[in-house]
Amino acid sequence: MLEWKRWKLCVAVLMSLSLVVVGCDDDDDDDLPPDVGTADVVEDVVEDVAEDAPADAAEDVAEDAAEDVAEDVEEDVAEDVEEDVAEDVGDDADATVSAVVEVDCATVQADQVVSMVNIAYDPATFTIAAGDVVRWDNDETSAIPHTVTSGRSGDADAGDLFDSGNIAQGESYCLQFNQAGTFNYYCTIHPTQMNDGVATVQ
């Protein structure tokens, strides 16, 4: 659109120049062929400009449109990629976090209860369904704390999935298992005697 306006301005300028040339010196026509005057030359130039202007303007419009479309497509693709990556990362993060969730024992009903007594888990191994809640009770007769920690003693990733911290005598700890799998657990305070916990989720 800007180029078309420039062409119109050029035509206007040429037409003005033609009036100046014709008005100022009619003798210049003597240098041209008998049947061609200065006004005729200017008129031909104006006609050529008028013929070329629409084509050039159309080319400019087409180029601008192509650039705009390319920019829009590039922006849309970038946005879509960012959204897809964010969704995938979010899904992976949710899957990892929600596999096992710590819950408040006072607000849920346990589907499986494990007693921690005589420095042992009872039972140490059990099978539950996805979505079930497990409660570990410290039933020691003396002030002996325990933990419920994911993995096995010595594992590099021990405690990454869940870790109760110290559970004092008379206290409890609850987890909800939301995904099928086998989850090992042990007590960090008694890693030798209590290193055999296994929760199997179906």
N, C-alpha and C. Protein backbone atom coordinates (compact mmCIF):
# COMPACT_ATOMS: atom_id res chain seq x y z
N MET A 1 0.83 -1.20 0.00
CA MET A 1 0.00 0.00 0.00
C MET A 1 0.87 1.25 0.00
N LEU A 2 1.98 1.20 0.72
CA LEU A 2 2.87 2.35 0.80
C LEU A 2 3.51 2.61 -0.56
N GLU A 3 3.91 1.52 -1.26
CA GLU A 3 4.53 1.69 -2.57
C GLU A 3 3.54 2.30 -3.57
N TRP A 4 2.27 1.93 -3.48
CA TRP A 4 1.25 2.47 -4.39
C TRP A 4 1.09 3.96 -4.18
N LYS A 5 1.12 4.38 -2.94
CA LYS A 5 1.03 5.81 -2.66
C LYS A 5 2.23 6.55 -3.22
N ARG A 6 3.42 5.90 -3.15
CA ARG A 6 4.61 6.53 -3.69
C ARG A 6 4.49 6.70 -5.21
N TRP A 7 3.93 5.68 -5.87
CA TRP A 7 3.74 5.77 -7.31
C TRP A 7 2.78 6.91 -7.66
N LYS A 8 1.73 7.04 -6.92
CA LYS A 8 0.79 8.14 -7.18
C LYS A 8 1.47 9.48 -7.00
N LEU A 9 2.35 9.58 -6.00
CA LEU A 9 3.08 10.83 -5.76
C LEU A 9 4.01 11.12 -6.93
N CYS A 10 4.68 10.05 -7.43
CA CYS A 10 5.58 10.23 -8.56
C CYS A 10 4.83 10.73 -9.78
N VAL A 11 3.66 10.17 -10.02
CA VAL A 11 2.83 10.59 -11.16
C VAL A 11 2.46 12.05 -11.02
N ALA A 12 2.07 12.43 -9.81
CA ALA A 12 1.68 13.82 -9.58
C ALA A 12 2.85 14.76 -9.83
N VAL A 13 4.04 14.35 -9.35
CA VAL A 13 5.24 15.18 -9.55
C VAL A 13 5.56 15.31 -11.02
N LEU A 14 5.49 14.19 -11.75
CA LEU A 14 5.78 14.23 -13.19
C LEU A 14 4.80 15.10 -13.94
N MET A 15 3.54 15.02 -13.53
CA MET A 15 2.54 15.87 -14.19
C MET A 15 2.82 17.33 -13.93
N SER A 16 3.26 17.65 -12.71
CA SER A 16 3.59 19.03 -12.39
C SER A 16 4.79 19.50 -13.19
N LEU A 17 5.79 18.61 -13.31
CA LEU A 17 6.97 18.95 -14.09
C LEU A 17 6.61 19.18 -15.56
N SER A 18 5.64 18.39 -16.02
CA SER A 18 5.24 18.55 -17.42
C SER A 18 4.65 19.93 -17.65
N LEU A 19 3.88 20.41 -16.71
CA LEU A 19 3.29 21.74 -16.85
C LEU A 19 4.37 22.81 -16.82
N VAL A 20 5.38 22.58 -15.94
CA VAL A 20 6.47 23.56 -15.87
C VAL A 20 7.26 23.58 -17.15
N VAL A 21 7.57 22.37 -17.65
CA VAL A 21 8.38 22.28 -18.88
C VAL A 21 7.65 22.89 -20.04
N VAL A 22 6.39 22.55 -20.20
CA VAL A 22 5.61 23.07 -21.34
C VAL A 22 5.43 24.56 -21.21
N GLY A 23 5.19 25.00 -20.00
CA GLY A 23 4.91 26.43 -19.82
C GLY A 23 6.14 27.29 -19.92
N CYS A 24 7.31 26.76 -19.54
CA CYS A 24 8.51 27.59 -19.49
C CYS A 24 9.21 27.71 -20.82
N ASP A 25 9.21 26.66 -21.64
CA ASP A 25 10.02 26.74 -22.86
C ASP A 25 9.40 25.87 -23.94
N ASP A 26 8.59 26.47 -24.77
CA ASP A 26 7.99 25.73 -25.88
C ASP A 26 8.99 25.48 -26.98
N ASP A 27 10.15 26.23 -26.93
CA ASP A 27 11.13 26.07 -28.00
C ASP A 27 11.84 24.73 -27.92
N ASP A 28 11.76 24.05 -26.72
CA ASP A 28 12.42 22.76 -26.60
C ASP A 28 11.86 21.73 -27.55
N ASP A 29 10.64 21.98 -28.01
CA ASP A 29 10.02 21.03 -28.95
C ASP A 29 10.81 20.94 -30.23
N ASP A 30 11.66 21.97 -30.51
CA ASP A 30 12.42 21.96 -31.76
C ASP A 30 13.42 20.83 -31.79
N ASP A 31 13.84 20.35 -30.60
CA ASP A 31 14.83 19.26 -30.54
C ASP A 31 14.20 17.89 -30.76
N LEU A 32 12.88 17.83 -30.76
CA LEU A 32 12.18 16.56 -30.94
C LEU A 32 11.72 16.39 -32.37
N PRO A 33 11.32 15.21 -32.77
CA PRO A 33 10.78 15.00 -34.12
C PRO A 33 9.59 15.93 -34.34
N PRO A 34 9.31 16.24 -35.60
CA PRO A 34 8.23 17.21 -35.91
C PRO A 34 6.90 16.86 -35.30
N ASP A 35 6.60 15.59 -35.25
CA ASP A 35 5.28 15.21 -34.77
C ASP A 35 5.26 14.87 -33.29
N VAL A 36 6.37 15.15 -32.52
CA VAL A 36 6.43 14.83 -31.10
C VAL A 36 6.82 16.08 -30.32
N GLY A 37 6.02 16.43 -29.31
CA GLY A 37 6.32 17.59 -28.48
C GLY A 37 6.72 17.17 -27.08
N THR A 38 7.16 18.16 -26.30
CA THR A 38 7.57 17.87 -24.91
C THR A 38 6.41 17.29 -24.12
N ALA A 39 5.23 17.86 -24.35
CA ALA A 39 4.04 17.37 -23.64
C ALA A 39 3.77 15.91 -23.97
N ASP A 40 4.05 15.54 -25.25
CA ASP A 40 3.85 14.14 -25.64
C ASP A 40 4.80 13.22 -24.89
N VAL A 41 6.08 13.67 -24.76
CA VAL A 41 7.07 12.84 -24.05
C VAL A 41 6.66 12.64 -22.59
N VAL A 42 6.26 13.75 -21.95
CA VAL A 42 5.83 13.66 -20.55
C VAL A 42 4.62 12.76 -20.42
N GLU A 43 3.71 12.88 -21.34
CA GLU A 43 2.49 12.05 -21.30
C GLU A 43 2.84 10.57 -21.40
N ASP A 44 3.82 10.25 -22.29
CA ASP A 44 4.24 8.85 -22.43
C ASP A 44 4.86 8.33 -21.13
N VAL A 45 5.68 9.18 -20.48
CA VAL A 45 6.31 8.78 -19.22
C VAL A 45 5.25 8.52 -18.16
N VAL A 46 4.26 9.43 -18.09
CA VAL A 46 3.19 9.27 -17.11
C VAL A 46 2.41 7.99 -17.37
N GLU A 47 2.16 7.68 -18.64
CA GLU A 47 1.43 6.45 -18.97
C GLU A 47 2.22 5.21 -18.56
N ASP A 48 3.57 5.25 -18.82
CA ASP A 48 4.40 4.10 -18.44
C ASP A 48 4.37 3.89 -16.94
N VAL A 49 4.49 5.00 -16.19
CA VAL A 49 4.45 4.90 -14.74
C VAL A 49 3.12 4.35 -14.27
N ALA A 50 2.03 4.84 -14.86
CA ALA A 50 0.70 4.39 -14.47
C ALA A 50 0.50 2.91 -14.76
N GLU A 51 1.11 2.42 -15.88
CA GLU A 51 0.98 1.00 -16.22
C GLU A 51 1.78 0.12 -15.26
N ASP A 52 2.99 0.58 -14.91
CA ASP A 52 3.86 -0.23 -14.04
C ASP A 52 3.41 -0.22 -12.59
N ALA A 53 2.79 0.88 -12.15
CA ALA A 53 2.45 1.04 -10.73
C ALA A 53 1.57 -0.07 -10.19
N PRO A 54 0.45 -0.42 -10.84
CA PRO A 54 -0.42 -1.47 -10.28
C PRO A 54 0.31 -2.80 -10.12
N ALA A 55 1.13 -3.16 -11.15
CA ALA A 55 1.84 -4.43 -11.07
C ALA A 55 2.83 -4.43 -9.92
N ASP A 56 3.58 -3.33 -9.79
CA ASP A 56 4.55 -3.24 -8.69
C ASP A 56 3.85 -3.24 -7.34
N ALA A 57 2.72 -2.52 -7.28
CA ALA A 57 1.97 -2.49 -6.02
C ALA A 57 1.46 -3.88 -5.65
N ALA A 58 1.00 -4.62 -6.66
CA ALA A 58 0.51 -5.97 -6.41
C ALA A 58 1.63 -6.87 -5.90
N GLU A 59 2.83 -6.72 -6.50
CA GLU A 59 3.97 -7.52 -6.04
C GLU A 59 4.32 -7.20 -4.59
N ASP A 60 4.30 -5.89 -4.27
CA ASP A 60 4.61 -5.49 -2.89
C ASP A 60 3.60 -6.07 -1.92
N VAL A 61 2.32 -6.01 -2.29
CA VAL A 61 1.27 -6.55 -1.42
C VAL A 61 1.45 -8.05 -1.22
N ALA A 62 1.78 -8.75 -2.33
CA ALA A 62 1.97 -10.20 -2.24
C ALA A 62 3.16 -10.54 -1.35
N GLU A 63 4.26 -9.78 -1.50
CA GLU A 63 5.44 -10.03 -0.66
C GLU A 63 5.13 -9.78 0.81
N ASP A 64 4.43 -8.65 1.08
CA ASP A 64 4.09 -8.34 2.47
C ASP A 64 3.19 -9.41 3.06
N ALA A 65 2.22 -9.88 2.26
CA ALA A 65 1.29 -10.91 2.75
C ALA A 65 2.03 -12.21 3.05
N ALA A 66 2.96 -12.57 2.14
CA ALA A 66 3.73 -13.80 2.36
C ALA A 66 4.56 -13.71 3.63
N GLU A 67 5.19 -12.55 3.86
CA GLU A 67 5.98 -12.37 5.07
C GLU A 67 5.11 -12.45 6.32
N ASP A 68 3.93 -11.81 6.25
CA ASP A 68 3.03 -11.85 7.41
C ASP A 68 2.59 -13.27 7.71
N VAL A 69 2.24 -14.02 6.66
CA VAL A 69 1.80 -15.41 6.85
C VAL A 69 2.93 -16.25 7.44
N ALA A 70 4.15 -16.06 6.92
CA ALA A 70 5.29 -16.83 7.43
C ALA A 70 5.54 -16.53 8.91
N GLU A 71 5.45 -15.24 9.26
CA GLU A 71 5.64 -14.87 10.67
C GLU A 71 4.57 -15.46 11.56
N ASP A 72 3.30 -15.40 11.08
CA ASP A 72 2.20 -15.95 11.88
C ASP A 72 2.36 -17.45 12.08
N VAL A 73 2.73 -18.15 10.99
CA VAL A 73 2.91 -19.61 11.08
C VAL A 73 4.05 -19.94 12.04
N GLU A 74 5.15 -19.18 11.94
CA GLU A 74 6.29 -19.44 12.83
C GLU A 74 5.91 -19.22 14.28
N GLU A 75 5.15 -18.14 14.56
CA GLU A 75 4.72 -17.87 15.93
C GLU A 75 3.77 -18.97 16.43
N ASP A 76 2.83 -19.38 15.57
CA ASP A 76 1.88 -20.42 15.98
C ASP A 76 2.59 -21.73 16.28
N VAL A 77 3.55 -22.10 15.40
CA VAL A 77 4.27 -23.35 15.61
C VAL A 77 5.06 -23.30 16.91
N ALA A 78 5.72 -22.15 17.16
CA ALA A 78 6.50 -22.01 18.39
C ALA A 78 5.61 -22.13 19.62
N GLU A 79 4.43 -21.50 19.57
CA GLU A 79 3.50 -21.57 20.70
C GLU A 79 3.02 -23.00 20.92
N ASP A 80 2.69 -23.69 19.81
CA ASP A 80 2.20 -25.07 19.92
C ASP A 80 3.27 -25.97 20.53
N VAL A 81 4.52 -25.79 20.07
CA VAL A 81 5.62 -26.61 20.60
C VAL A 81 5.80 -26.37 22.09
N GLU A 82 5.78 -25.08 22.49
CA GLU A 82 5.93 -24.76 23.91
C GLU A 82 4.82 -25.37 24.74
N GLU A 83 3.57 -25.30 24.22
CA GLU A 83 2.44 -25.86 24.96
C GLU A 83 2.57 -27.37 25.09
N ASP A 84 2.96 -28.03 23.97
CA ASP A 84 3.10 -29.49 24.00
C ASP A 84 4.19 -29.92 24.98
N VAL A 85 5.33 -29.20 24.95
CA VAL A 85 6.42 -29.54 25.87
C VAL A 85 5.98 -29.34 27.31
N ALA A 86 5.28 -28.21 27.55
CA ALA A 86 4.83 -27.93 28.92
C ALA A 86 3.85 -29.00 29.40
N GLU A 87 2.95 -29.44 28.50
CA GLU A 87 1.98 -30.48 28.87
C GLU A 87 2.68 -31.80 29.17
N ASP A 88 3.67 -32.15 28.31
CA ASP A 88 4.38 -33.42 28.51
C ASP A 88 5.16 -33.40 29.82
N VAL A 89 5.85 -32.28 30.07
CA VAL A 89 6.61 -32.16 31.32
C VAL A 89 5.67 -32.23 32.52
N GLY A 90 4.51 -31.54 32.40
CA GLY A 90 3.55 -31.56 33.49
C GLY A 90 2.99 -32.95 33.74
N ASP A 91 2.71 -33.68 32.63
CA ASP A 91 2.19 -35.04 32.78
C ASP A 91 3.20 -35.94 33.47
N ASP A 92 4.48 -35.83 33.05
CA ASP A 92 5.52 -36.67 33.65
C ASP A 92 5.69 -36.34 35.13
N ALA A 93 5.67 -35.04 35.43
CA ALA A 93 5.83 -34.62 36.82
C ALA A 93 4.67 -35.12 37.67
N ASP A 94 3.44 -35.00 37.13
CA ASP A 94 2.27 -35.46 37.88
C ASP A 94 2.33 -36.96 38.13
N ALA A 95 2.80 -37.70 37.11
CA ALA A 95 2.85 -39.15 37.24
C ALA A 95 3.82 -39.55 38.35
N THR A 96 4.97 -38.83 38.41
CA THR A 96 5.97 -39.16 39.42
C THR A 96 5.48 -38.78 40.82
N VAL A 97 4.91 -37.61 40.94
CA VAL A 97 4.49 -37.11 42.24
C VAL A 97 3.29 -37.88 42.77
N SER A 98 2.34 -38.20 41.92
CA SER A 98 1.08 -38.79 42.39
C SER A 98 1.14 -40.31 42.54
N ALA A 99 2.26 -40.93 42.20
CA ALA A 99 2.35 -42.39 42.36
C ALA A 99 2.11 -42.77 43.81
N VAL A 100 2.72 -42.01 44.72
CA VAL A 100 2.52 -42.21 46.16
C VAL A 100 2.34 -40.84 46.79
N VAL A 101 1.27 -40.69 47.57
CA VAL A 101 0.96 -39.40 48.17
C VAL A 101 0.80 -39.55 49.67
N GLU A 102 1.47 -38.69 50.42
CA GLU A 102 1.29 -38.68 51.87
C GLU A 102 -0.06 -38.06 52.21
N VAL A 103 -0.80 -38.70 53.10
CA VAL A 103 -2.12 -38.20 53.49
C VAL A 103 -2.22 -38.13 55.01
N ASP A 104 -3.18 -37.35 55.46
CA ASP A 104 -3.39 -37.17 56.90
C ASP A 104 -4.15 -38.37 57.45
N CYS A 105 -3.54 -39.09 58.36
CA CYS A 105 -4.17 -40.30 58.91
C CYS A 105 -5.50 -39.99 59.60
N ALA A 106 -5.65 -38.77 60.10
CA ALA A 106 -6.87 -38.42 60.83
C ALA A 106 -8.05 -38.21 59.89
N THR A 107 -7.79 -38.06 58.61
CA THR A 107 -8.88 -37.74 57.66
C THR A 107 -9.20 -38.88 56.70
N VAL A 108 -8.48 -39.97 56.78
CA VAL A 108 -8.71 -41.08 55.84
C VAL A 108 -8.87 -42.39 56.61
N GLN A 109 -9.46 -43.35 55.93
CA GLN A 109 -9.60 -44.68 56.51
C GLN A 109 -8.58 -45.60 55.85
N ALA A 110 -7.78 -46.28 56.63
CA ALA A 110 -6.72 -47.13 56.09
C ALA A 110 -7.27 -48.43 55.53
N ASP A 111 -6.76 -48.81 54.35
CA ASP A 111 -7.12 -50.10 53.75
C ASP A 111 -6.14 -51.19 54.19
N GLN A 112 -4.98 -50.78 54.64
CA GLN A 112 -3.97 -51.73 55.12
C GLN A 112 -3.25 -51.07 56.31
N VAL A 113 -3.12 -51.82 57.40
CA VAL A 113 -2.44 -51.31 58.59
C VAL A 113 -1.19 -52.16 58.85
N VAL A 114 -0.06 -51.47 59.05
CA VAL A 114 1.20 -52.14 59.38
C VAL A 114 1.63 -51.68 60.77
N SER A 115 1.86 -52.65 61.65
CA SER A 115 2.32 -52.33 63.01
C SER A 115 3.85 -52.38 63.06
N MET A 116 4.43 -51.35 63.64
CA MET A 116 5.88 -51.35 63.85
C MET A 116 6.13 -51.65 65.33
N VAL A 117 6.52 -52.88 65.59
CA VAL A 117 6.67 -53.34 66.97
C VAL A 117 7.82 -54.34 67.03
N ASN A 118 8.50 -54.33 68.16
CA ASN A 118 9.65 -55.22 68.35
C ASN A 118 10.70 -55.04 67.24
N ILE A 119 10.83 -53.80 66.83
CA ILE A 119 11.78 -53.41 65.77
C ILE A 119 11.57 -54.25 64.52
N ALA A 120 10.33 -54.26 64.06
CA ALA A 120 9.98 -54.99 62.84
C ALA A 120 8.66 -54.43 62.29
N TYR A 121 8.48 -54.61 60.97
CA TYR A 121 7.20 -54.28 60.35
C TYR A 121 6.32 -55.52 60.40
N ASP A 122 5.06 -55.36 60.77
CA ASP A 122 4.15 -56.50 60.85
C ASP A 122 2.78 -56.12 60.25
N PRO A 123 2.48 -56.57 59.02
CA PRO A 123 3.34 -57.37 58.15
C PRO A 123 4.33 -56.49 57.38
N ALA A 124 5.44 -57.04 56.97
CA ALA A 124 6.44 -56.28 56.22
C ALA A 124 6.05 -56.17 54.75
N THR A 125 5.41 -57.23 54.24
CA THR A 125 4.98 -57.23 52.84
C THR A 125 3.46 -57.37 52.78
N PHE A 126 2.85 -56.74 51.79
CA PHE A 126 1.40 -56.80 51.61
C PHE A 126 1.04 -56.40 50.18
N THR A 127 -0.18 -56.73 49.81
CA THR A 127 -0.67 -56.40 48.47
C THR A 127 -1.95 -55.58 48.60
N ILE A 128 -2.03 -54.49 47.86
CA ILE A 128 -3.19 -53.60 47.91
C ILE A 128 -3.59 -53.22 46.49
N ALA A 129 -4.70 -52.52 46.38
CA ALA A 129 -5.17 -52.02 45.08
C ALA A 129 -4.77 -50.56 44.91
N ALA A 130 -4.67 -50.13 43.66
CA ALA A 130 -4.34 -48.73 43.39
C ALA A 130 -5.40 -47.83 44.02
N GLY A 131 -4.93 -46.82 44.72
CA GLY A 131 -5.84 -45.91 45.40
C GLY A 131 -6.00 -46.21 46.88
N ASP A 132 -5.50 -47.37 47.33
CA ASP A 132 -5.62 -47.74 48.74
C ASP A 132 -4.67 -46.92 49.62
N VAL A 133 -5.07 -46.80 50.88
CA VAL A 133 -4.27 -46.06 51.87
C VAL A 133 -3.68 -47.07 52.86
N VAL A 134 -2.39 -46.88 53.14
CA VAL A 134 -1.69 -47.73 54.11
C VAL A 134 -1.30 -46.87 55.31
N ARG A 135 -1.53 -47.42 56.51
CA ARG A 135 -1.15 -46.71 57.74
C ARG A 135 -0.13 -47.55 58.52
N TRP A 136 0.96 -46.89 58.88
CA TRP A 136 1.98 -47.53 59.72
C TRP A 136 1.84 -46.97 61.13
N ASP A 137 1.66 -47.84 62.10
CA ASP A 137 1.52 -47.43 63.51
C ASP A 137 2.77 -47.85 64.29
N ASN A 138 3.31 -46.92 65.04
CA ASN A 138 4.43 -47.27 65.92
C ASN A 138 3.84 -47.79 67.24
N ASP A 139 3.83 -49.11 67.37
CA ASP A 139 3.24 -49.75 68.54
C ASP A 139 4.30 -50.26 69.53
N GLU A 140 5.48 -49.70 69.47
CA GLU A 140 6.53 -50.11 70.40
C GLU A 140 6.09 -49.82 71.84
N THR A 141 6.51 -50.65 72.76
CA THR A 141 6.17 -50.46 74.18
C THR A 141 7.11 -49.49 74.88
N SER A 142 8.16 -49.08 74.16
CA SER A 142 9.09 -48.09 74.69
C SER A 142 9.33 -47.01 73.63
N ALA A 143 10.03 -45.98 74.03
CA ALA A 143 10.21 -44.83 73.13
C ALA A 143 11.24 -45.13 72.03
N ILE A 144 10.83 -45.97 71.12
CA ILE A 144 11.69 -46.33 69.98
C ILE A 144 11.06 -45.76 68.70
N PRO A 145 11.70 -44.84 68.03
CA PRO A 145 11.16 -44.29 66.78
C PRO A 145 11.47 -45.18 65.58
N HIS A 146 10.70 -45.02 64.54
CA HIS A 146 10.92 -45.74 63.28
C HIS A 146 10.67 -44.78 62.12
N THR A 147 11.04 -45.24 60.91
CA THR A 147 10.71 -44.47 59.70
C THR A 147 10.12 -45.42 58.67
N VAL A 148 9.41 -44.82 57.72
CA VAL A 148 8.94 -45.53 56.52
C VAL A 148 9.55 -44.77 55.36
N THR A 149 10.60 -45.36 54.78
CA THR A 149 11.40 -44.67 53.76
C THR A 149 11.48 -45.52 52.50
N SER A 150 11.23 -44.93 51.36
CA SER A 150 11.23 -45.68 50.10
C SER A 150 12.63 -46.19 49.76
N GLY A 151 12.65 -47.37 49.12
CA GLY A 151 13.91 -47.96 48.69
C GLY A 151 14.47 -48.95 49.69
N ARG A 152 15.78 -49.14 49.61
CA ARG A 152 16.50 -50.04 50.49
C ARG A 152 17.71 -49.30 51.06
N SER A 153 18.13 -49.72 52.22
CA SER A 153 19.30 -49.13 52.84
C SER A 153 20.49 -49.20 51.89
N GLY A 154 21.14 -48.09 51.65
CA GLY A 154 22.28 -48.06 50.74
C GLY A 154 21.94 -47.64 49.33
N ASP A 155 20.66 -47.61 48.97
CA ASP A 155 20.27 -47.18 47.62
C ASP A 155 20.56 -45.69 47.44
N ALA A 156 21.04 -45.34 46.23
CA ALA A 156 21.33 -43.94 45.95
C ALA A 156 20.07 -43.08 45.96
N ASP A 157 18.93 -43.67 45.57
CA ASP A 157 17.68 -42.91 45.51
C ASP A 157 16.76 -43.21 46.70
N ALA A 158 17.31 -43.78 47.76
CA ALA A 158 16.49 -44.09 48.93
C ALA A 158 15.86 -42.81 49.49
N GLY A 159 14.56 -42.88 49.73
CA GLY A 159 13.84 -41.74 50.28
C GLY A 159 13.36 -40.74 49.27
N ASP A 160 13.65 -40.95 47.98
CA ASP A 160 13.22 -39.99 46.95
C ASP A 160 11.70 -39.99 46.77
N LEU A 161 11.09 -41.16 46.86
CA LEU A 161 9.65 -41.26 46.61
C LEU A 161 8.82 -40.90 47.83
N PHE A 162 9.24 -41.37 48.98
CA PHE A 162 8.57 -40.99 50.23
C PHE A 162 9.50 -41.24 51.41
N ASP A 163 9.30 -40.45 52.45
CA ASP A 163 10.11 -40.59 53.66
C ASP A 163 9.33 -39.97 54.82
N SER A 164 8.98 -40.79 55.78
CA SER A 164 8.13 -40.33 56.89
C SER A 164 8.87 -39.44 57.88
N GLY A 165 10.20 -39.58 57.92
CA GLY A 165 10.91 -38.97 59.04
C GLY A 165 10.64 -39.83 60.28
N ASN A 166 11.11 -39.40 61.42
CA ASN A 166 10.94 -40.20 62.64
C ASN A 166 9.47 -40.27 63.06
N ILE A 167 8.99 -41.50 63.26
CA ILE A 167 7.63 -41.73 63.76
C ILE A 167 7.79 -42.18 65.22
N ALA A 168 7.36 -41.34 66.13
CA ALA A 168 7.55 -41.63 67.56
C ALA A 168 6.56 -42.70 68.04
N GLN A 169 6.83 -43.27 69.18
CA GLN A 169 5.93 -44.26 69.78
C GLN A 169 4.53 -43.66 69.90
N GLY A 170 3.54 -44.44 69.44
CA GLY A 170 2.15 -44.01 69.50
C GLY A 170 1.69 -43.17 68.32
N GLU A 171 2.59 -42.82 67.41
CA GLU A 171 2.21 -42.02 66.24
C GLU A 171 2.06 -42.91 65.00
N SER A 172 1.46 -42.31 63.96
CA SER A 172 1.19 -43.07 62.73
C SER A 172 1.63 -42.27 61.50
N TYR A 173 1.72 -42.98 60.39
CA TYR A 173 2.10 -42.37 59.11
C TYR A 173 1.29 -43.04 58.01
N CYS A 174 0.70 -42.24 57.11
CA CYS A 174 -0.18 -42.79 56.07
C CYS A 174 0.26 -42.38 54.67
N LEU A 175 0.14 -43.33 53.75
CA LEU A 175 0.43 -43.09 52.34
C LEU A 175 -0.70 -43.65 51.49
N GLN A 176 -0.99 -42.95 50.40
CA GLN A 176 -1.94 -43.47 49.41
C GLN A 176 -1.16 -43.85 48.16
N PHE A 177 -1.31 -45.10 47.73
CA PHE A 177 -0.61 -45.60 46.54
C PHE A 177 -1.57 -45.56 45.36
N ASN A 178 -1.24 -44.75 44.37
CA ASN A 178 -2.17 -44.50 43.26
C ASN A 178 -1.82 -45.21 41.97
N GLN A 179 -0.66 -45.82 41.91
CA GLN A 179 -0.26 -46.49 40.67
C GLN A 179 0.24 -47.89 40.97
N ALA A 180 -0.03 -48.79 40.02
CA ALA A 180 0.41 -50.18 40.18
C ALA A 180 1.93 -50.25 40.18
N GLY A 181 2.47 -51.19 40.95
CA GLY A 181 3.91 -51.37 41.00
C GLY A 181 4.34 -51.98 42.32
N THR A 182 5.64 -52.15 42.46
CA THR A 182 6.21 -52.70 43.69
C THR A 182 7.05 -51.62 44.35
N PHE A 183 6.76 -51.33 45.61
CA PHE A 183 7.42 -50.25 46.32
C PHE A 183 8.12 -50.81 47.57
N ASN A 184 9.44 -50.79 47.54
CA ASN A 184 10.21 -51.22 48.70
C ASN A 184 10.29 -50.08 49.72
N TYR A 185 10.40 -50.45 50.98
CA TYR A 185 10.58 -49.44 52.03
C TYR A 185 11.35 -50.05 53.20
N TYR A 186 11.96 -49.16 53.99
CA TYR A 186 12.76 -49.64 55.13
C TYR A 186 12.80 -48.55 56.21
N CYS A 187 13.42 -48.87 57.33
CA CYS A 187 13.57 -47.93 58.44
C CYS A 187 15.01 -47.44 58.48
N THR A 188 15.18 -46.14 58.37
CA THR A 188 16.55 -45.60 58.36
C THR A 188 17.21 -45.69 59.73
N ILE A 189 16.41 -45.81 60.79
CA ILE A 189 16.97 -45.91 62.14
C ILE A 189 17.43 -47.33 62.44
N HIS A 190 16.72 -48.31 61.84
CA HIS A 190 17.08 -49.73 62.02
C HIS A 190 17.22 -50.38 60.64
N PRO A 191 18.22 -49.96 59.87
CA PRO A 191 18.36 -50.44 58.48
C PRO A 191 18.69 -51.92 58.36
N THR A 192 19.19 -52.54 59.43
CA THR A 192 19.50 -53.97 59.38
C THR A 192 18.28 -54.82 59.70
N GLN A 193 17.58 -54.49 60.79
CA GLN A 193 16.43 -55.29 61.20
C GLN A 193 15.18 -54.99 60.34
N MET A 194 15.04 -53.75 59.86
CA MET A 194 13.81 -53.35 59.15
C MET A 194 14.15 -52.85 57.75
N ASN A 195 14.63 -53.80 56.95
CA ASN A 195 15.04 -53.47 55.58
C ASN A 195 14.32 -54.35 54.57
N ASP A 196 13.12 -54.83 54.96
CA ASP A 196 12.43 -55.83 54.17
C ASP A 196 11.01 -55.44 53.75
N GLY A 197 10.61 -54.19 53.91
CA GLY A 197 9.24 -53.80 53.58
C GLY A 197 8.99 -53.80 52.09
N VAL A 198 7.83 -54.34 51.70
CA VAL A 198 7.45 -54.36 50.27
C VAL A 198 5.94 -54.14 50.17
N ALA A 199 5.55 -53.07 49.44
CA ALA A 199 4.14 -52.82 49.16
C ALA A 199 3.90 -53.11 47.68
N THR A 200 3.05 -54.09 47.39
CA THR A 200 2.72 -54.42 46.00
C THR A 200 1.35 -53.85 45.68
N VAL A 201 1.32 -53.01 44.67
CA VAL A 201 0.06 -52.35 44.28
C VAL A 201 -0.41 -52.92 42.95
N GLN A 202 -1.64 -53.41 42.95
CA GLN A 202 -2.19 -54.02 41.73
C GLN A 202 -3.20 -53.11 41.05
